[in-house]
Protein backbone atom coordinates (compact mmCIF):
# COMPACT_ATOMS: atom_id res chain seq x y z
CA MET A 1 0.01 -0.26 -0.03
CA SER A 2 1.97 3.06 -1.03
CA LYS A 3 1.44 6.63 1.24
CA CYS A 4 0.23 9.26 -0.46
CA ARG A 5 1.68 13.19 0.66
CA GLU A 6 0.78 16.65 0.16
CA SER A 7 1.98 19.41 2.02
CA GLY A 8 -1.14 21.89 2.72
CA ALA A 9 -3.55 18.93 3.24
CA ASN A 10 -5.86 19.11 5.79
CA PHE A 11 -7.20 15.66 7.36
CA TRP A 12 -10.67 16.40 6.01
CA GLN A 13 -9.42 17.19 1.91
CA LEU A 14 -8.70 14.48 0.09
CA PRO A 15 -4.87 15.21 -1.53
CA ASP A 16 -5.08 16.28 -5.05
CA VAL A 17 -2.69 13.31 -6.31
CA ALA A 18 -5.23 11.10 -4.93
CA LEU A 19 -8.15 12.52 -6.73
CA ASP A 20 -6.13 11.84 -9.85
CA ARG A 21 -6.18 8.38 -9.02
CA ILE A 22 -9.67 8.32 -8.61
CA LEU A 23 -11.20 10.16 -11.56
CA ASP A 24 -8.48 8.72 -13.89
CA GLY A 25 -10.77 7.23 -16.61
CA LEU A 26 -13.62 9.04 -15.86
CA GLU A 27 -15.53 11.68 -18.21
CA VAL A 28 -16.56 14.85 -17.13
CA SER A 29 -20.00 13.52 -17.63
CA SER A 30 -19.57 10.87 -15.22
CA VAL A 31 -22.60 11.03 -13.06
CA ILE A 32 -20.80 10.86 -9.56
CA HIS A 33 -22.37 10.91 -6.14
CA ASP A 34 -20.24 12.27 -2.94
CA LEU A 35 -22.14 9.87 -0.11
CA GLY A 36 -21.74 11.83 2.91
CA CYS A 37 -20.84 15.13 1.59
CA GLY A 38 -20.10 17.10 4.79
CA VAL A 39 -20.08 21.04 3.58
CA GLY A 40 -19.49 19.99 0.06
CA GLU A 41 -15.65 20.59 -0.78
CA LEU A 42 -15.12 17.34 -2.55
CA CYS A 43 -18.17 18.40 -4.55
CA GLY A 44 -16.86 21.69 -5.06
CA ARG A 45 -13.54 20.43 -6.36
CA LEU A 46 -14.80 18.34 -8.94
CA GLN A 47 -16.72 20.98 -10.27
CA LYS A 48 -13.79 22.96 -10.51
CA ARG A 49 -12.59 19.87 -12.83
CA GLY A 50 -15.10 20.17 -15.30
CA TYR A 51 -17.87 17.33 -13.58
CA MET A 52 -20.85 18.39 -13.81
CA ASN A 53 -22.62 15.86 -12.82
CA VAL A 54 -21.99 15.49 -9.42
CA VAL A 55 -24.42 15.45 -6.33
CA GLY A 56 -24.06 15.28 -2.95
CA PHE A 57 -25.80 13.62 -0.15
CA ASP A 58 -25.70 14.40 3.88
CA HIS A 59 -28.16 14.20 6.49
CA ASN A 60 -26.92 17.15 8.42
CA ASN A 61 -29.26 20.31 7.89
CA ASN A 62 -26.52 22.48 8.34
CA ALA A 63 -23.79 21.16 6.44
CA VAL A 64 -26.11 21.03 3.38
CA VAL A 65 -27.48 24.85 3.92
CA HIS A 66 -23.28 25.49 3.84
CA ALA A 67 -22.63 23.17 1.35
CA ARG A 68 -25.26 24.69 -1.58
CA ARG A 69 -24.03 28.52 -0.23
CA LYS A 70 -20.72 27.90 -0.90
CA PHE A 71 -21.48 25.48 -4.46
CA PRO A 72 -24.55 26.80 -5.56
CA ARG A 73 -23.94 25.21 -8.85
CA VAL A 74 -23.62 21.83 -7.09
CA GLU A 75 -26.90 19.60 -6.36
CA ILE A 76 -26.71 18.93 -2.23
CA ARG A 77 -29.49 16.56 -1.11
CA LEU A 78 -30.20 16.68 2.34
CA GLN A 79 -30.62 12.74 2.31
CA LYS A 80 -29.26 10.20 4.71
CA ILE A 81 -26.51 7.24 3.08
CA GLU A 82 -28.79 4.22 3.36
CA ASP A 83 -31.57 6.17 1.21
CA VAL A 84 -29.36 7.02 -1.47
CA LEU A 85 -27.14 3.78 -2.25
CA GLN A 86 -29.42 2.55 -5.14
CA LEU A 87 -29.12 6.01 -7.16
CA GLU A 88 -26.83 5.08 -10.43
CA ALA A 89 -24.02 6.61 -10.92
CA GLU A 90 -20.79 5.51 -12.56
CA LEU A 91 -18.73 6.55 -9.08
CA LYS A 92 -19.55 6.99 -5.63
CA LEU A 93 -17.28 8.50 -3.05
CA MET A 94 -17.56 8.07 0.91
CA MET A 95 -14.96 10.22 2.37
CA LEU A 96 -14.84 9.21 5.46
CA SER A 97 -18.30 8.01 6.05
CA ILE A 98 -18.83 4.95 6.11
CA ALA A 99 -18.31 4.73 9.58
CA PHE A 100 -21.37 6.15 10.27
CA VAL A 101 -23.23 3.41 8.29
CA ASP A 102 -25.33 0.60 10.49
CA ASP A 103 -24.84 -2.07 8.07
CA GLN A 104 -21.64 -1.39 6.10
CA GLU A 105 -21.93 -4.36 4.08
CA THR A 106 -24.80 -4.76 3.21
CA ALA A 107 -24.47 -1.04 2.52
CA LEU A 108 -21.80 -1.52 -0.13
CA MET A 109 -23.92 -4.70 -1.33
CA LYS A 110 -25.95 -2.35 -2.45
CA LEU A 111 -23.86 0.12 -3.88
CA ARG A 112 -22.45 -3.02 -6.18
CA GLN A 113 -25.21 -2.84 -7.55
CA SER A 114 -25.70 0.43 -8.79
CA THR A 115 -22.40 1.76 -9.23
CA ARG A 116 -19.65 1.17 -11.40
CA LYS A 117 -16.52 2.42 -9.45
CA LEU A 118 -16.60 2.82 -5.80
CA PHE A 119 -13.73 5.12 -3.41
CA VAL A 120 -13.84 4.58 0.60
CA ALA A 121 -11.87 6.77 2.16
CA THR A 122 -11.88 5.82 6.13
CA ALA A 123 -10.07 6.37 9.56
CA LEU A 124 -8.17 4.01 11.09
CA LYS A 125 -9.08 2.57 14.44
CA ASN A 126 -5.96 2.09 16.52
CA ASP A 127 -5.90 1.81 19.97
CA SER A 128 -4.48 5.30 20.59
CA LEU A 129 -7.84 6.48 19.37
CA ILE A 130 -9.95 5.15 22.45
CA ASP A 131 -12.10 8.35 23.55
CA SER A 132 -10.53 10.50 20.70
CA LYS A 133 -12.53 12.62 18.31
CA TRP A 134 -11.61 10.33 15.95
CA LEU A 135 -13.09 6.93 17.29
CA ARG A 136 -17.36 7.48 16.04
CA ILE A 137 -15.82 7.78 12.32
CA SER A 138 -12.52 5.24 11.85
CA VAL A 139 -12.84 1.84 11.32
CA ARG A 140 -10.57 -1.31 11.80
CA GLU A 141 -8.31 -1.86 8.53
CA ASN A 142 -9.24 -5.71 7.80
CA GLU A 143 -13.25 -5.30 8.91
CA ILE A 144 -13.79 -2.53 6.05
CA LEU A 145 -11.10 -5.02 3.42
CA THR A 146 -13.30 -8.18 4.97
CA HIS A 147 -17.23 -6.34 3.40
CA LEU A 148 -15.41 -5.14 0.73
CA ASP A 149 -14.76 -8.74 -0.44
CA ARG A 150 -18.29 -10.21 0.55
CA ALA A 151 -19.85 -7.34 -1.24
CA LYS A 152 -18.10 -8.62 -4.39
CA TRP A 153 -16.08 -5.24 -5.33
CA THR A 154 -12.53 -6.05 -6.57
CA ILE A 155 -9.94 -3.31 -4.66
CA THR A 156 -7.89 -1.67 -7.61
CA GLN A 157 -6.20 0.90 -5.57
CA GLN A 158 -5.22 1.19 -2.27
CA PHE A 159 -3.05 4.04 -0.43
CA ARG A 160 -2.71 5.40 2.59
CA TYR A 161 -2.68 9.51 3.39
CA SER A 162 -1.93 11.23 6.95
CA ILE A 163 -1.80 14.83 8.56
CA GLN A 164 0.88 15.01 11.32
CA GLY A 165 -0.97 14.80 14.64
CA GLU A 166 -4.48 12.98 13.05
CA PRO A 167 -4.99 9.38 12.33
CA ASP A 168 -3.91 7.58 9.34
CA VAL A 169 -6.86 7.80 6.02
CA MET A 170 -6.88 4.85 4.35
CA CYS A 171 -8.58 4.81 0.77
CA ILE A 172 -9.75 2.32 -1.24
CA LEU A 173 -10.86 2.10 -5.14
CA CYS A 174 -12.38 -0.48 -5.87
CA VAL A 175 -14.23 -1.41 -9.28
């Protein structure tokens, strides 16, 4: 597994070099869903790169309102991840959001039926995260890999990025 570093990056922002890997081979007309988009930063970055069929989904009303203000040309919907798993898209992104899904394996199986390419990024759970602010958004590496395998996803790329003082983020690109 390779490491991905970029100066100026922060924990919540996927480094550009990683975004390049994810978008490789996708047409700008591709439908892309950002599941758990938060305040829409990734949706906005995709739009700036010319992708115009980007839809962000988040369950947090305040985040959605903020995202709509900041990126008025991006479609941002107030919906739970579980409610949109079966919507068709060429690429679905789960940037630090898989940990919010109760039944991850079933969700990944549903995603397998509705998308060609999946990107999952998650903070890696380790013993140093106990009582940490990162504990609720992190998963164990072997758990997510097992869920992806059982859902019949093929991992094409796997890499990590880290920001000093934060947990590693494991990134997995699947077809």
